[in-house]
């Protein structure tokens, strides 16, 4: 049940041009960061403003966008904000595609191609489960899946440290296999947490 929704207009959140922003360094340098300059600073800033205005006890963010989740978690920790960030597991369609509002914009043909990202992540995850600890080799397994569909443009498929979101060369513990692709004009992201 929802008792109250705070849905401010842009003018209410930004009555004058803002000269202040929140920047979570380093963990936004890879994955989506280079493809979406300024995005994470914008997210961190608006979320910090909302936390300040609302003062929630808990805030829920999806694991589908693991990088954004980690940025928010780190911001909360670094700024000693009195809110508990709760990670919400990724919800998937029956074919593995991560549920996203963007999925509705896929044409029927694009929608049929879209689960390839999940299959690519699974291929890299399987390589790790089989004992491949070299990130380059595990990535190759995932990229080989993506190369099967010429309509897919790969932005990245990386294996990163799940805390700092930094690319790794060798797997020594839990990792996050993350990917982003474009199908037509639609950008899809997904990730899987895995361990050797």
C-alpha atoms as a PDB file:
ATOM      1  CA  UNK A   1       0.000   0.000   0.000  1.00  0.00           C
ATOM      2  CA  UNK A   2       1.130   3.525  -0.764  1.00  0.00           C
ATOM      3  CA  UNK A   3       0.072   6.297   1.589  1.00  0.00           C
ATOM      4  CA  UNK A   4       1.766   9.211  -0.113  1.00  0.00           C
ATOM      5  CA  UNK A   5       3.531  10.000  -3.387  1.00  0.00           C
ATOM      6  CA  UNK A   6       5.920  12.917  -3.714  1.00  0.00           C
ATOM      7  CA  UNK A   7       6.000  13.851  -7.406  1.00  0.00           C
ATOM      8  CA  UNK A   8       7.403  17.373  -7.647  1.00  0.00           C
ATOM      9  CA  UNK A   9       7.463  19.427 -10.810  1.00  0.00           C
ATOM     10  CA  UNK A  10      10.862  20.285 -12.281  1.00  0.00           C
ATOM     11  CA  UNK A  11      10.431  23.890 -11.138  1.00  0.00           C
ATOM     12  CA  UNK A  12       9.933  22.732  -7.558  1.00  0.00           C
ATOM     13  CA  UNK A  13      13.115  20.664  -7.543  1.00  0.00           C
ATOM     14  CA  UNK A  14      15.164  23.207  -9.503  1.00  0.00           C
ATOM     15  CA  UNK A  15      13.687  26.694  -8.893  1.00  0.00           C
ATOM     16  CA  UNK A  16      16.947  28.323 -10.003  1.00  0.00           C
ATOM     17  CA  UNK A  17      19.846  26.980 -12.049  1.00  0.00           C
ATOM     18  CA  UNK A  18      21.804  24.692  -9.759  1.00  0.00           C
ATOM     19  CA  UNK A  19      25.479  25.347  -9.145  1.00  0.00           C
ATOM     20  CA  UNK A  20      25.908  22.296  -6.932  1.00  0.00           C
ATOM     21  CA  UNK A  21      26.122  18.650  -7.900  1.00  0.00           C
ATOM     22  CA  UNK A  22      27.034  15.332  -6.304  1.00  0.00           C
ATOM     23  CA  UNK A  23      29.800  13.366  -7.996  1.00  0.00           C
ATOM     24  CA  UNK A  24      30.704   9.817  -6.980  1.00  0.00           C
ATOM     25  CA  UNK A  25      34.179   9.424  -8.437  1.00  0.00           C
ATOM     26  CA  UNK A  26      35.908   6.386  -9.911  1.00  0.00           C
ATOM     27  CA  UNK A  27      33.020   3.915  -9.873  1.00  0.00           C
ATOM     28  CA  UNK A  28      31.400   5.851 -12.725  1.00  0.00           C
ATOM     29  CA  UNK A  29      34.514   5.798 -14.936  1.00  0.00           C
ATOM     30  CA  UNK A  30      33.632   2.491 -16.591  1.00  0.00           C
ATOM     31  CA  UNK A  31      30.604   0.535 -17.795  1.00  0.00           C
ATOM     32  CA  UNK A  32      27.790   3.030 -18.493  1.00  0.00           C
ATOM     33  CA  UNK A  33      29.796   6.099 -17.435  1.00  0.00           C
ATOM     34  CA  UNK A  34      31.654   6.738 -20.724  1.00  0.00           C
ATOM     35  CA  UNK A  35      28.473   6.163 -22.744  1.00  0.00           C
ATOM     36  CA  UNK A  36      26.350   8.508 -20.611  1.00  0.00           C
ATOM     37  CA  UNK A  37      28.503  11.485 -19.576  1.00  0.00           C
ATOM     38  CA  UNK A  38      27.045  13.352 -16.605  1.00  0.00           C
ATOM     39  CA  UNK A  39      24.316  10.773 -16.031  1.00  0.00           C
ATOM     40  CA  UNK A  40      25.514   9.462 -12.685  1.00  0.00           C
ATOM     41  CA  UNK A  41      26.214  12.937 -11.334  1.00  0.00           C
ATOM     42  CA  UNK A  42      22.653  13.888 -12.268  1.00  0.00           C
ATOM     43  CA  UNK A  43      21.262  10.770 -10.615  1.00  0.00           C
ATOM     44  CA  UNK A  44      23.320  11.237  -7.444  1.00  0.00           C
ATOM     45  CA  UNK A  45      22.346  14.898  -7.222  1.00  0.00           C
ATOM     46  CA  UNK A  46      18.604  14.391  -7.636  1.00  0.00           C
ATOM     47  CA  UNK A  47      18.567  11.383  -5.311  1.00  0.00           C
ATOM     48  CA  UNK A  48      20.504  13.337  -2.663  1.00  0.00           C
ATOM     49  CA  UNK A  49      17.969  16.170  -2.987  1.00  0.00           C
ATOM     50  CA  UNK A  50      15.061  13.748  -2.676  1.00  0.00           C
ATOM     51  CA  UNK A  51      16.626  12.059   0.357  1.00  0.00           C
ATOM     52  CA  UNK A  52      17.123  15.478   1.959  1.00  0.00           C
ATOM     53  CA  UNK A  53      13.540  16.576   1.267  1.00  0.00           C
ATOM     54  CA  UNK A  54      11.750  13.327   2.114  1.00  0.00           C
ATOM     55  CA  UNK A  55      14.148  11.888   4.715  1.00  0.00           C
ATOM     56  CA  UNK A  56      13.129   8.281   4.055  1.00  0.00           C
ATOM     57  CA  UNK A  57      14.147   5.387   6.266  1.00  0.00           C
ATOM     58  CA  UNK A  58      14.580   3.075   3.263  1.00  0.00           C
ATOM     59  CA  UNK A  59      15.052   3.576  -0.470  1.00  0.00           C
ATOM     60  CA  UNK A  60      14.700   0.789  -3.027  1.00  0.00           C
ATOM     61  CA  UNK A  61      16.857   0.518  -6.150  1.00  0.00           C
ATOM     62  CA  UNK A  62      16.956  -2.313  -8.670  1.00  0.00           C
ATOM     63  CA  UNK A  63      19.975  -4.542  -9.189  1.00  0.00           C
ATOM     64  CA  UNK A  64      19.392  -4.411 -12.951  1.00  0.00           C
ATOM     65  CA  UNK A  65      21.265  -1.115 -12.895  1.00  0.00           C
ATOM     66  CA  UNK A  66      23.968  -2.332 -10.525  1.00  0.00           C
ATOM     67  CA  UNK A  67      26.257   0.592 -11.245  1.00  0.00           C
ATOM     68  CA  UNK A  68      23.576   3.113 -10.312  1.00  0.00           C
ATOM     69  CA  UNK A  69      22.761   1.083  -7.201  1.00  0.00           C
ATOM     70  CA  UNK A  70      26.416   1.123  -6.116  1.00  0.00           C
ATOM     71  CA  UNK A  71      26.694   4.873  -6.814  1.00  0.00           C
ATOM     72  CA  UNK A  72      23.696   5.532  -4.557  1.00  0.00           C
ATOM     73  CA  UNK A  73      24.963   3.159  -1.867  1.00  0.00           C
ATOM     74  CA  UNK A  74      28.388   4.825  -1.907  1.00  0.00           C
ATOM     75  CA  UNK A  75      26.895   8.327  -1.835  1.00  0.00           C
ATOM     76  CA  UNK A  76      24.766   7.379   1.182  1.00  0.00           C
ATOM     77  CA  UNK A  77      27.823   5.946   2.939  1.00  0.00           C
ATOM     78  CA  UNK A  78      30.207   8.787   2.070  1.00  0.00           C
ATOM     79  CA  UNK A  79      27.727  11.510   3.058  1.00  0.00           C
ATOM     80  CA  UNK A  80      26.486   9.691   6.190  1.00  0.00           C
ATOM     81  CA  UNK A  81      22.888   9.904   5.027  1.00  0.00           C
ATOM     82  CA  UNK A  82      20.378   8.314   7.397  1.00  0.00           C
ATOM     83  CA  UNK A  83      18.730   6.032   4.857  1.00  0.00           C
ATOM     84  CA  UNK A  84      19.025   2.312   4.204  1.00  0.00           C
ATOM     85  CA  UNK A  85      19.402   1.486   0.523  1.00  0.00           C
ATOM     86  CA  UNK A  86      17.647  -1.777  -0.306  1.00  0.00           C
ATOM     87  CA  UNK A  87      18.724  -3.673  -3.423  1.00  0.00           C
ATOM     88  CA  UNK A  88      15.784  -5.148  -5.331  1.00  0.00           C
ATOM     89  CA  UNK A  89      16.550  -8.274  -7.407  1.00  0.00           C
ATOM     90  CA  UNK A  90      16.172  -8.030 -11.167  1.00  0.00           C
ATOM     91  CA  UNK A  91      12.811  -9.224 -12.466  1.00  0.00           C
ATOM     92  CA  UNK A  92      12.990 -11.170 -15.727  1.00  0.00           C
ATOM     93  CA  UNK A  93      10.650 -12.119 -18.526  1.00  0.00           C
ATOM     94  CA  UNK A  94      10.244 -15.852 -19.208  1.00  0.00           C
ATOM     95  CA  UNK A  95      13.044 -15.690 -21.815  1.00  0.00           C
ATOM     96  CA  UNK A  96      15.462 -14.024 -19.389  1.00  0.00           C
ATOM     97  CA  UNK A  97      15.167 -10.437 -20.608  1.00  0.00           C
ATOM     98  CA  UNK A  98      15.392  -8.058 -17.658  1.00  0.00           C
ATOM     99  CA  UNK A  99      12.114  -6.200 -17.185  1.00  0.00           C
ATOM    100  CA  UNK A 100      12.518  -2.551 -18.162  1.00  0.00           C
ATOM    101  CA  UNK A 101      10.281   0.276 -19.300  1.00  0.00           C
ATOM    102  CA  UNK A 102      12.466   0.424 -22.420  1.00  0.00           C
ATOM    103  CA  UNK A 103      11.309  -3.016 -23.542  1.00  0.00           C
ATOM    104  CA  UNK A 104       7.980  -1.573 -24.702  1.00  0.00           C
ATOM    105  CA  UNK A 105       9.809   0.414 -27.394  1.00  0.00           C
ATOM    106  CA  UNK A 106      11.340  -2.682 -28.994  1.00  0.00           C
ATOM    107  CA  UNK A 107       9.781  -3.789 -32.264  1.00  0.00           C
ATOM    108  CA  UNK A 108       8.644  -7.455 -32.327  1.00  0.00           C
ATOM    109  CA  UNK A 109      11.855  -8.396 -34.164  1.00  0.00           C
ATOM    110  CA  UNK A 110      14.024  -6.406 -31.743  1.00  0.00           C
ATOM    111  CA  UNK A 111      12.191  -7.973 -28.813  1.00  0.00           C
ATOM    112  CA  UNK A 112      13.090 -11.426 -30.141  1.00  0.00           C
ATOM    113  CA  UNK A 113      16.769 -10.399 -30.229  1.00  0.00           C
ATOM    114  CA  UNK A 114      16.829  -8.688 -26.827  1.00  0.00           C
ATOM    115  CA  UNK A 115      17.357 -11.779 -24.595  1.00  0.00           C
ATOM    116  CA  UNK A 116      20.755 -12.263 -26.243  1.00  0.00           C
ATOM    117  CA  UNK A 117      22.271  -9.945 -23.633  1.00  0.00           C
ATOM    118  CA  UNK A 118      21.147 -12.220 -20.808  1.00  0.00           C
ATOM    119  CA  UNK A 119      22.428 -15.274 -22.695  1.00  0.00           C
ATOM    120  CA  UNK A 120      25.797 -13.549 -23.179  1.00  0.00           C
ATOM    121  CA  UNK A 121      26.049 -12.780 -19.471  1.00  0.00           C
ATOM    122  CA  UNK A 122      25.136 -16.383 -18.706  1.00  0.00           C
ATOM    123  CA  UNK A 123      27.866 -17.616 -21.070  1.00  0.00           C
ATOM    124  CA  UNK A 124      30.494 -15.557 -19.243  1.00  0.00           C
ATOM    125  CA  UNK A 125      29.053 -16.691 -15.916  1.00  0.00           C
ATOM    126  CA  UNK A 126      29.241 -20.324 -17.045  1.00  0.00           C
ATOM    127  CA  UNK A 127      32.873 -19.875 -18.082  1.00  0.00           C
ATOM    128  CA  UNK A 128      33.653 -18.609 -14.587  1.00  0.00           C
ATOM    129  CA  UNK A 129      31.760 -21.538 -13.047  1.00  0.00           C
ATOM    130  CA  UNK A 130      33.885 -23.882 -15.181  1.00  0.00           C
ATOM    131  CA  UNK A 131      37.019 -22.429 -13.608  1.00  0.00           C
ATOM    132  CA  UNK A 132      38.049 -19.787 -16.129  1.00  0.00           C
ATOM    133  CA  UNK A 133      39.485 -17.061 -13.920  1.00  0.00           C
ATOM    134  CA  UNK A 134      40.971 -14.855 -16.638  1.00  0.00           C
ATOM    135  CA  UNK A 135      38.434 -12.094 -17.239  1.00  0.00           C
ATOM    136  CA  UNK A 136      39.436 -11.713 -20.874  1.00  0.00           C
ATOM    137  CA  UNK A 137      38.695 -15.372 -21.548  1.00  0.00           C
ATOM    138  CA  UNK A 138      35.361 -15.286 -19.717  1.00  0.00           C
ATOM    139  CA  UNK A 139      34.403 -12.089 -21.580  1.00  0.00           C
ATOM    140  CA  UNK A 140      35.176 -13.785 -24.908  1.00  0.00           C
ATOM    141  CA  UNK A 141      32.533 -16.406 -24.145  1.00  0.00           C
ATOM    142  CA  UNK A 142      29.903 -13.715 -23.645  1.00  0.00           C
ATOM    143  CA  UNK A 143      30.996 -11.652 -26.632  1.00  0.00           C
ATOM    144  CA  UNK A 144      30.821 -14.748 -28.843  1.00  0.00           C
ATOM    145  CA  UNK A 145      27.114 -14.995 -28.025  1.00  0.00           C
ATOM    146  CA  UNK A 146      26.515 -11.321 -28.855  1.00  0.00           C
ATOM    147  CA  UNK A 147      28.335 -11.687 -32.174  1.00  0.00           C
ATOM    148  CA  UNK A 148      25.673 -14.181 -33.294  1.00  0.00           C
ATOM    149  CA  UNK A 149      23.176 -11.365 -33.927  1.00  0.00           C
ATOM    150  CA  UNK A 150      24.253  -8.652 -36.354  1.00  0.00           C
ATOM    151  CA  UNK A 151      21.419  -6.350 -35.235  1.00  0.00           C
ATOM    152  CA  UNK A 152      23.062  -6.003 -31.815  1.00  0.00           C
ATOM    153  CA  UNK A 153      25.583  -3.234 -31.208  1.00  0.00           C
ATOM    154  CA  UNK A 154      27.733  -4.007 -28.172  1.00  0.00           C
ATOM    155  CA  UNK A 155      28.639  -1.088 -25.925  1.00  0.00           C
ATOM    156  CA  UNK A 156      30.410  -3.222 -23.360  1.00  0.00           C
ATOM    157  CA  UNK A 157      30.589  -6.593 -21.703  1.00  0.00           C
ATOM    158  CA  UNK A 158      32.815  -6.381 -18.632  1.00  0.00           C
ATOM    159  CA  UNK A 159      33.668  -8.292 -15.510  1.00  0.00           C
ATOM    160  CA  UNK A 160      33.974  -5.931 -12.574  1.00  0.00           C
ATOM    161  CA  UNK A 161      34.510  -5.833  -8.852  1.00  0.00           C
ATOM    162  CA  UNK A 162      30.962  -5.740  -7.437  1.00  0.00           C
ATOM    163  CA  UNK A 163      31.788  -3.087  -4.835  1.00  0.00           C
ATOM    164  CA  UNK A 164      33.883  -0.526  -6.721  1.00  0.00           C
ATOM    165  CA  UNK A 165      32.609  -1.397 -10.229  1.00  0.00           C
ATOM    166  CA  UNK A 166      36.169  -1.491 -11.582  1.00  0.00           C
ATOM    167  CA  UNK A 167      37.132  -3.842 -14.437  1.00  0.00           C
ATOM    168  CA  UNK A 168      39.180  -6.836 -13.366  1.00  0.00           C
ATOM    169  CA  UNK A 169      41.816  -8.903 -15.113  1.00  0.00           C
ATOM    170  CA  UNK A 170      41.575 -11.951 -12.876  1.00  0.00           C
ATOM    171  CA  UNK A 171      38.739 -13.421 -10.853  1.00  0.00           C
ATOM    172  CA  UNK A 172      39.593 -14.091  -7.213  1.00  0.00           C
ATOM    173  CA  UNK A 173      36.156 -13.771  -5.631  1.00  0.00           C
ATOM    174  CA  UNK A 174      32.645 -12.555  -6.393  1.00  0.00           C
ATOM    175  CA  UNK A 175      32.341 -10.496  -9.578  1.00  0.00           C
ATOM    176  CA  UNK A 176      29.620  -8.794 -11.546  1.00  0.00           C
ATOM    177  CA  UNK A 177      29.344  -9.611 -15.240  1.00  0.00           C
ATOM    178  CA  UNK A 178      27.756  -6.530 -16.802  1.00  0.00           C
ATOM    179  CA  UNK A 179      26.758  -5.646 -20.322  1.00  0.00           C
ATOM    180  CA  UNK A 180      25.090  -2.989 -22.406  1.00  0.00           C
ATOM    181  CA  UNK A 181      23.862  -3.321 -25.970  1.00  0.00           C
ATOM    182  CA  UNK A 182      21.847  -1.349 -28.458  1.00  0.00           C
ATOM    183  CA  UNK A 183      19.166  -2.943 -30.568  1.00  0.00           C
ATOM    184  CA  UNK A 184      17.957  -0.361 -33.020  1.00  0.00           C
ATOM    185  CA  UNK A 185      17.676   2.821 -30.972  1.00  0.00           C
ATOM    186  CA  UNK A 186      17.040   1.055 -27.660  1.00  0.00           C
ATOM    187  CA  UNK A 187      19.811   0.671 -25.101  1.00  0.00           C
ATOM    188  CA  UNK A 188      19.565  -2.362 -22.824  1.00  0.00           C
ATOM    189  CA  UNK A 189      21.659  -3.099 -19.743  1.00  0.00           C
ATOM    190  CA  UNK A 190      21.885  -6.140 -17.518  1.00  0.00           C
ATOM    191  CA  UNK A 191      24.254  -7.880 -15.136  1.00  0.00           C
ATOM    192  CA  UNK A 192      24.756 -11.033 -13.115  1.00  0.00           C
ATOM    193  CA  UNK A 193      26.554 -11.460  -9.816  1.00  0.00           C
ATOM    194  CA  UNK A 194      28.687 -14.586  -9.834  1.00  0.00           C
ATOM    195  CA  UNK A 195      31.632 -16.248  -8.148  1.00  0.00           C
ATOM    196  CA  UNK A 196      34.134 -18.933  -9.160  1.00  0.00           C
END
